[in-house]
Amino acid sequence: MKKRIKPNTLAMPTPVWCVGSYDKDGKPNVMTIAWGGICNSSPPMLTISLRKATYTYGSIMERGAYTVSIPSTKHVAEADYFGIASGKDTDKFAQSGLTPVRSEVVDAPYVDEFPLIFECKVVETTELGLHTQFVGEIVGIKAEENILNDKGLPMIGAADPFVFAPATREYVALGEMAGTAFSIGKKLIK
């Protein structure tokens, strides 16, 4: 039997993405978010949602761009730190020991040590309530060569990302493949 739960942000899992931006003085900053996802196929777009109170919000509004750096499990502590410290008060890159790199295609930095990077140009913002949704066109992707398959596409196992479980506030590593998409369900077609 299912039990009714009060409406909340308990969807699972959510991504652990590190959003890069430059502040008004050109200082690189990074913030970890969980509210985000792919929102369009053609052109490819990625959405993130931020509270106006965050330092990153103002930077993205001013610069019109952001990056999403996807960390591997070996950087779980740094990713967590990026979400609990404010770029207004500290240089998160210096404190974490990680390296900001200026994107060649958008006005935002990314985290060099993370295996997969999306470079996004803001095309739309929507006020949702507490959060503002930024829709960014993906204008560049960078990936470490060692996470790419023979077709040049990122492999989730090699990238070793992790997810966030909002209800329990846990970071969870991804496990084994459960099936092949657009294939495993064909056995149910009659």
C-alpha atoms as a PDB file:
ATOM      1  CA  MET A   1       0.000   0.000   0.000  1.00  0.00           C
ATOM      2  CA  LYS A   2       1.249   3.466  -0.860  1.00  0.00           C
ATOM      3  CA  LYS A   3       1.290   6.245   1.725  1.00  0.00           C
ATOM      4  CA  ARG A   4       0.458   9.834   0.791  1.00  0.00           C
ATOM      5  CA  ILE A   5       3.360  12.297   1.271  1.00  0.00           C
ATOM      6  CA  LYS A   6       3.081  16.065   1.333  1.00  0.00           C
ATOM      7  CA  PRO A   7       4.119  17.587  -2.058  1.00  0.00           C
ATOM      8  CA  ASN A   8       7.827  18.354  -1.964  1.00  0.00           C
ATOM      9  CA  THR A   9      11.056  18.194  -4.003  1.00  0.00           C
ATOM     10  CA  LEU A  10      11.590  14.480  -3.388  1.00  0.00           C
ATOM     11  CA  ALA A  11      12.006  13.328  -7.012  1.00  0.00           C
ATOM     12  CA  MET A  12      14.927  10.978  -7.266  1.00  0.00           C
ATOM     13  CA  PRO A  13      17.596  10.992  -8.297  1.00  0.00           C
ATOM     14  CA  THR A  14      18.642  14.539  -9.115  1.00  0.00           C
ATOM     15  CA  PRO A  15      21.915  15.473 -10.782  1.00  0.00           C
ATOM     16  CA  VAL A  16      24.993  16.790  -9.038  1.00  0.00           C
ATOM     17  CA  TRP A  17      26.087  19.550 -11.400  1.00  0.00           C
ATOM     18  CA  CYS A  18      28.606  22.295 -10.757  1.00  0.00           C
ATOM     19  CA  VAL A  19      27.537  25.514 -12.454  1.00  0.00           C
ATOM     20  CA  GLY A  20      30.312  27.908 -13.437  1.00  0.00           C
ATOM     21  CA  SER A  21      29.975  31.670 -13.901  1.00  0.00           C
ATOM     22  CA  TYR A  22      32.004  34.867 -13.697  1.00  0.00           C
ATOM     23  CA  ASP A  23      30.947  37.602 -11.309  1.00  0.00           C
ATOM     24  CA  LYS A  24      30.810  41.291 -12.291  1.00  0.00           C
ATOM     25  CA  ASP A  25      34.537  41.642 -11.550  1.00  0.00           C
ATOM     26  CA  GLY A  26      35.491  38.624 -13.659  1.00  0.00           C
ATOM     27  CA  LYS A  27      36.185  36.302 -10.687  1.00  0.00           C
ATOM     28  CA  PRO A  28      35.404  32.660 -11.531  1.00  0.00           C
ATOM     29  CA  ASN A  29      32.822  30.993  -9.324  1.00  0.00           C
ATOM     30  CA  VAL A  30      31.170  27.592  -9.178  1.00  0.00           C
ATOM     31  CA  MET A  31      28.021  26.389  -7.420  1.00  0.00           C
ATOM     32  CA  THR A  32      26.599  22.888  -7.060  1.00  0.00           C
ATOM     33  CA  ILE A  33      22.958  22.434  -8.026  1.00  0.00           C
ATOM     34  CA  ALA A  34      20.508  19.552  -8.146  1.00  0.00           C
ATOM     35  CA  TRP A  35      17.588  21.185  -9.952  1.00  0.00           C
ATOM     36  CA  GLY A  36      18.451  20.710 -13.618  1.00  0.00           C
ATOM     37  CA  GLY A  37      18.147  18.581 -16.711  1.00  0.00           C
ATOM     38  CA  ILE A  38      18.035  18.398 -20.482  1.00  0.00           C
ATOM     39  CA  CYS A  39      14.968  20.313 -21.655  1.00  0.00           C
ATOM     40  CA  ASN A  40      15.155  20.303 -25.469  1.00  0.00           C
ATOM     41  CA  SER A  41      16.683  18.152 -28.197  1.00  0.00           C
ATOM     42  CA  SER A  42      17.009  20.463 -31.175  1.00  0.00           C
ATOM     43  CA  PRO A  43      18.701  22.762 -30.533  1.00  0.00           C
ATOM     44  CA  PRO A  44      20.142  20.941 -27.520  1.00  0.00           C
ATOM     45  CA  MET A  45      19.271  22.788 -24.306  1.00  0.00           C
ATOM     46  CA  LEU A  46      19.999  22.291 -20.646  1.00  0.00           C
ATOM     47  CA  THR A  47      18.086  23.919 -17.805  1.00  0.00           C
ATOM     48  CA  ILE A  48      19.135  24.814 -14.282  1.00  0.00           C
ATOM     49  CA  SER A  49      17.094  26.432 -11.514  1.00  0.00           C
ATOM     50  CA  LEU A  50      18.625  28.788  -8.951  1.00  0.00           C
ATOM     51  CA  ARG A  51      17.362  30.915  -6.088  1.00  0.00           C
ATOM     52  CA  LYS A  52      17.780  34.669  -6.592  1.00  0.00           C
ATOM     53  CA  ALA A  53      19.645  34.785  -3.275  1.00  0.00           C
ATOM     54  CA  THR A  54      22.607  32.867  -4.710  1.00  0.00           C
ATOM     55  CA  TYR A  55      25.722  34.661  -5.886  1.00  0.00           C
ATOM     56  CA  THR A  56      25.653  32.624  -9.111  1.00  0.00           C
ATOM     57  CA  TYR A  57      22.160  33.883 -10.001  1.00  0.00           C
ATOM     58  CA  GLY A  58      23.361  37.481 -10.392  1.00  0.00           C
ATOM     59  CA  SER A  59      26.421  36.429 -12.358  1.00  0.00           C
ATOM     60  CA  ILE A  60      24.420  34.409 -14.875  1.00  0.00           C
ATOM     61  CA  MET A  61      21.869  37.215 -15.231  1.00  0.00           C
ATOM     62  CA  GLU A  62      24.690  39.660 -15.992  1.00  0.00           C
ATOM     63  CA  ARG A  63      26.809  37.444 -18.272  1.00  0.00           C
ATOM     64  CA  GLY A  64      24.070  35.438 -20.020  1.00  0.00           C
ATOM     65  CA  ALA A  65      26.070  32.219 -19.861  1.00  0.00           C
ATOM     66  CA  TYR A  66      26.995  29.315 -17.614  1.00  0.00           C
ATOM     67  CA  THR A  67      28.815  26.017 -17.715  1.00  0.00           C
ATOM     68  CA  VAL A  68      27.852  22.722 -16.143  1.00  0.00           C
ATOM     69  CA  SER A  69      30.794  20.629 -14.967  1.00  0.00           C
ATOM     70  CA  ILE A  70      29.853  17.085 -14.018  1.00  0.00           C
ATOM     71  CA  PRO A  71      32.051  15.749 -11.204  1.00  0.00           C
ATOM     72  CA  SER A  72      33.149  12.147 -10.741  1.00  0.00           C
ATOM     73  CA  THR A  73      32.881  10.402  -7.385  1.00  0.00           C
ATOM     74  CA  LYS A  74      36.517  11.179  -6.576  1.00  0.00           C
ATOM     75  CA  HIS A  75      35.471  14.835  -6.253  1.00  0.00           C
ATOM     76  CA  VAL A  76      32.370  14.382  -4.086  1.00  0.00           C
ATOM     77  CA  ALA A  77      33.819  16.506  -1.249  1.00  0.00           C
ATOM     78  CA  GLU A  78      34.648  19.389  -3.603  1.00  0.00           C
ATOM     79  CA  ALA A  79      31.206  19.225  -5.216  1.00  0.00           C
ATOM     80  CA  ASP A  80      29.555  19.327  -1.808  1.00  0.00           C
ATOM     81  CA  TYR A  81      31.750  22.272  -0.792  1.00  0.00           C
ATOM     82  CA  PHE A  82      30.758  24.166  -3.964  1.00  0.00           C
ATOM     83  CA  GLY A  83      27.136  23.869  -2.825  1.00  0.00           C
ATOM     84  CA  ILE A  84      27.565  24.934   0.800  1.00  0.00           C
ATOM     85  CA  ALA A  85      30.024  27.845   0.480  1.00  0.00           C
ATOM     86  CA  SER A  86      29.210  31.196  -1.132  1.00  0.00           C
ATOM     87  CA  GLY A  87      31.341  32.645  -3.912  1.00  0.00           C
ATOM     88  CA  LYS A  88      30.473  36.046  -2.498  1.00  0.00           C
ATOM     89  CA  ASP A  89      32.585  35.300   0.582  1.00  0.00           C
ATOM     90  CA  THR A  90      35.328  33.034  -0.748  1.00  0.00           C
ATOM     91  CA  ASP A  91      37.246  31.886  -3.804  1.00  0.00           C
ATOM     92  CA  LYS A  92      35.889  28.355  -4.081  1.00  0.00           C
ATOM     93  CA  PHE A  93      38.430  27.346  -6.703  1.00  0.00           C
ATOM     94  CA  ALA A  94      41.380  28.411  -4.552  1.00  0.00           C
ATOM     95  CA  GLN A  95      39.894  26.796  -1.436  1.00  0.00           C
ATOM     96  CA  SER A  96      39.153  23.484  -3.196  1.00  0.00           C
ATOM     97  CA  GLY A  97      42.429  23.320  -5.109  1.00  0.00           C
ATOM     98  CA  LEU A  98      40.547  22.800  -8.374  1.00  0.00           C
ATOM     99  CA  THR A  99      41.218  24.748 -11.558  1.00  0.00           C
ATOM    100  CA  PRO A 100      38.911  27.232 -13.301  1.00  0.00           C
ATOM    101  CA  VAL A 101      39.250  27.274 -17.091  1.00  0.00           C
ATOM    102  CA  ARG A 102      37.764  29.999 -19.276  1.00  0.00           C
ATOM    103  CA  SER A 103      35.337  28.559 -21.824  1.00  0.00           C
ATOM    104  CA  GLU A 104      36.238  29.341 -25.405  1.00  0.00           C
ATOM    105  CA  VAL A 105      32.578  29.605 -26.452  1.00  0.00           C
ATOM    106  CA  VAL A 106      30.668  31.198 -23.534  1.00  0.00           C
ATOM    107  CA  ASP A 107      31.493  33.824 -20.906  1.00  0.00           C
ATOM    108  CA  ALA A 108      31.851  31.354 -18.033  1.00  0.00           C
ATOM    109  CA  PRO A 109      34.492  29.101 -16.435  1.00  0.00           C
ATOM    110  CA  TYR A 110      34.400  25.354 -15.974  1.00  0.00           C
ATOM    111  CA  VAL A 111      36.147  22.940 -13.595  1.00  0.00           C
ATOM    112  CA  ASP A 112      39.161  21.465 -15.381  1.00  0.00           C
ATOM    113  CA  GLU A 113      39.385  18.339 -13.214  1.00  0.00           C
ATOM    114  CA  PHE A 114      35.806  17.227 -13.933  1.00  0.00           C
ATOM    115  CA  PRO A 115      35.357  14.820 -16.861  1.00  0.00           C
ATOM    116  CA  LEU A 116      32.345  16.268 -18.677  1.00  0.00           C
ATOM    117  CA  ILE A 117      31.525  19.932 -19.370  1.00  0.00           C
ATOM    118  CA  PHE A 118      28.518  21.630 -20.992  1.00  0.00           C
ATOM    119  CA  GLU A 119      28.867  25.247 -22.151  1.00  0.00           C
ATOM    120  CA  CYS A 120      25.546  27.068 -22.294  1.00  0.00           C
ATOM    121  CA  LYS A 121      24.264  30.386 -23.611  1.00  0.00           C
ATOM    122  CA  VAL A 122      21.136  31.601 -21.788  1.00  0.00           C
ATOM    123  CA  VAL A 123      18.174  31.762 -24.158  1.00  0.00           C
ATOM    124  CA  GLU A 124      15.343  32.125 -21.651  1.00  0.00           C
ATOM    125  CA  THR A 125      14.644  32.700 -17.972  1.00  0.00           C
ATOM    126  CA  THR A 126      11.417  31.956 -16.157  1.00  0.00           C
ATOM    127  CA  GLU A 127      10.496  33.032 -12.641  1.00  0.00           C
ATOM    128  CA  LEU A 128       8.973  29.969 -10.989  1.00  0.00           C
ATOM    129  CA  GLY A 129       8.554  31.100  -7.386  1.00  0.00           C
ATOM    130  CA  LEU A 130      11.552  30.671  -5.113  1.00  0.00           C
ATOM    131  CA  HIS A 131      13.693  29.632  -8.095  1.00  0.00           C
ATOM    132  CA  THR A 132      14.431  31.071 -11.520  1.00  0.00           C
ATOM    133  CA  GLN A 133      14.799  28.605 -14.341  1.00  0.00           C
ATOM    134  CA  PHE A 134      17.608  29.304 -16.797  1.00  0.00           C
ATOM    135  CA  VAL A 135      17.324  27.589 -20.158  1.00  0.00           C
ATOM    136  CA  GLY A 136      20.677  27.432 -21.879  1.00  0.00           C
ATOM    137  CA  GLU A 137      21.457  26.351 -25.397  1.00  0.00           C
ATOM    138  CA  ILE A 138      24.340  23.884 -25.304  1.00  0.00           C
ATOM    139  CA  VAL A 139      26.895  25.541 -27.604  1.00  0.00           C
ATOM    140  CA  GLY A 140      29.861  23.403 -26.568  1.00  0.00           C
ATOM    141  CA  ILE A 141      30.704  20.131 -24.839  1.00  0.00           C
ATOM    142  CA  LYS A 142      34.091  19.026 -23.583  1.00  0.00           C
ATOM    143  CA  ALA A 143      34.938  15.528 -22.370  1.00  0.00           C
ATOM    144  CA  GLU A 144      38.060  13.802 -21.161  1.00  0.00           C
ATOM    145  CA  GLU A 145      39.180  11.358 -23.845  1.00  0.00           C
ATOM    146  CA  ASN A 146      39.286   8.460 -21.377  1.00  0.00           C
ATOM    147  CA  ILE A 147      35.498   8.627 -20.824  1.00  0.00           C
ATOM    148  CA  LEU A 148      34.633   8.439 -24.548  1.00  0.00           C
ATOM    149  CA  ASN A 149      33.567   5.261 -26.339  1.00  0.00           C
ATOM    150  CA  ASP A 150      34.684   4.276 -29.842  1.00  0.00           C
ATOM    151  CA  LYS A 151      31.987   6.571 -31.289  1.00  0.00           C
ATOM    152  CA  GLY A 152      33.359   9.548 -29.356  1.00  0.00           C
ATOM    153  CA  LEU A 153      30.445   9.687 -26.908  1.00  0.00           C
ATOM    154  CA  PRO A 154      30.723   9.887 -23.100  1.00  0.00           C
ATOM    155  CA  MET A 155      30.255   6.647 -21.166  1.00  0.00           C
ATOM    156  CA  ILE A 156      28.524   7.023 -17.819  1.00  0.00           C
ATOM    157  CA  GLY A 157      30.613   4.294 -16.169  1.00  0.00           C
ATOM    158  CA  ALA A 158      33.882   5.930 -17.199  1.00  0.00           C
ATOM    159  CA  ALA A 159      32.732   9.427 -16.181  1.00  0.00           C
ATOM    160  CA  ASP A 160      31.709   8.015 -12.776  1.00  0.00           C
ATOM    161  CA  PRO A 161      29.135  10.705 -11.895  1.00  0.00           C
ATOM    162  CA  PHE A 162      26.973  10.533  -8.811  1.00  0.00           C
ATOM    163  CA  VAL A 163      23.465  11.686  -7.973  1.00  0.00           C
ATOM    164  CA  PHE A 164      21.738  13.434  -5.084  1.00  0.00           C
ATOM    165  CA  ALA A 165      18.870  11.922  -3.092  1.00  0.00           C
ATOM    166  CA  PRO A 166      16.936  14.957  -1.760  1.00  0.00           C
ATOM    167  CA  ALA A 167      14.878  13.090   0.850  1.00  0.00           C
ATOM    168  CA  THR A 168      17.914  11.646   2.632  1.00  0.00           C
ATOM    169  CA  ARG A 169      20.506  14.259   1.580  1.00  0.00           C
ATOM    170  CA  GLU A 170      22.850  11.580   0.293  1.00  0.00           C
ATOM    171  CA  TYR A 171      25.176  11.472  -2.686  1.00  0.00           C
ATOM    172  CA  VAL A 172      24.867   8.098  -4.377  1.00  0.00           C
ATOM    173  CA  ALA A 173      27.246   6.500  -6.863  1.00  0.00           C
ATOM    174  CA  LEU A 174      25.651   4.940  -9.909  1.00  0.00           C
ATOM    175  CA  GLY A 175      25.602   1.165 -10.143  1.00  0.00           C
ATOM    176  CA  GLU A 176      25.378  -1.438 -12.851  1.00  0.00           C
ATOM    177  CA  MET A 177      23.536  -1.052 -16.142  1.00  0.00           C
ATOM    178  CA  ALA A 178      19.913  -2.162 -15.737  1.00  0.00           C
ATOM    179  CA  GLY A 179      19.127  -2.506 -19.441  1.00  0.00           C
ATOM    180  CA  THR A 180      19.584  -1.002 -22.886  1.00  0.00           C
ATOM    181  CA  ALA A 181      17.315   1.981 -23.572  1.00  0.00           C
ATOM    182  CA  PHE A 182      14.872   1.763 -26.471  1.00  0.00           C
ATOM    183  CA  SER A 183      15.493  -1.974 -26.557  1.00  0.00           C
ATOM    184  CA  ILE A 184      14.767  -3.825 -23.303  1.00  0.00           C
ATOM    185  CA  GLY A 185      11.092  -2.840 -23.404  1.00  0.00           C
ATOM    186  CA  LYS A 186      10.578  -4.264 -26.893  1.00  0.00           C
ATOM    187  CA  LYS A 187       9.909  -7.662 -25.357  1.00  0.00           C
ATOM    188  CA  LEU A 188       6.594  -6.240 -24.093  1.00  0.00           C
ATOM    189  CA  ILE A 189       5.441  -5.115 -27.547  1.00  0.00           C
ATOM    190  CA  LYS A 190       2.813  -7.519 -28.902  1.00  0.00           C
END
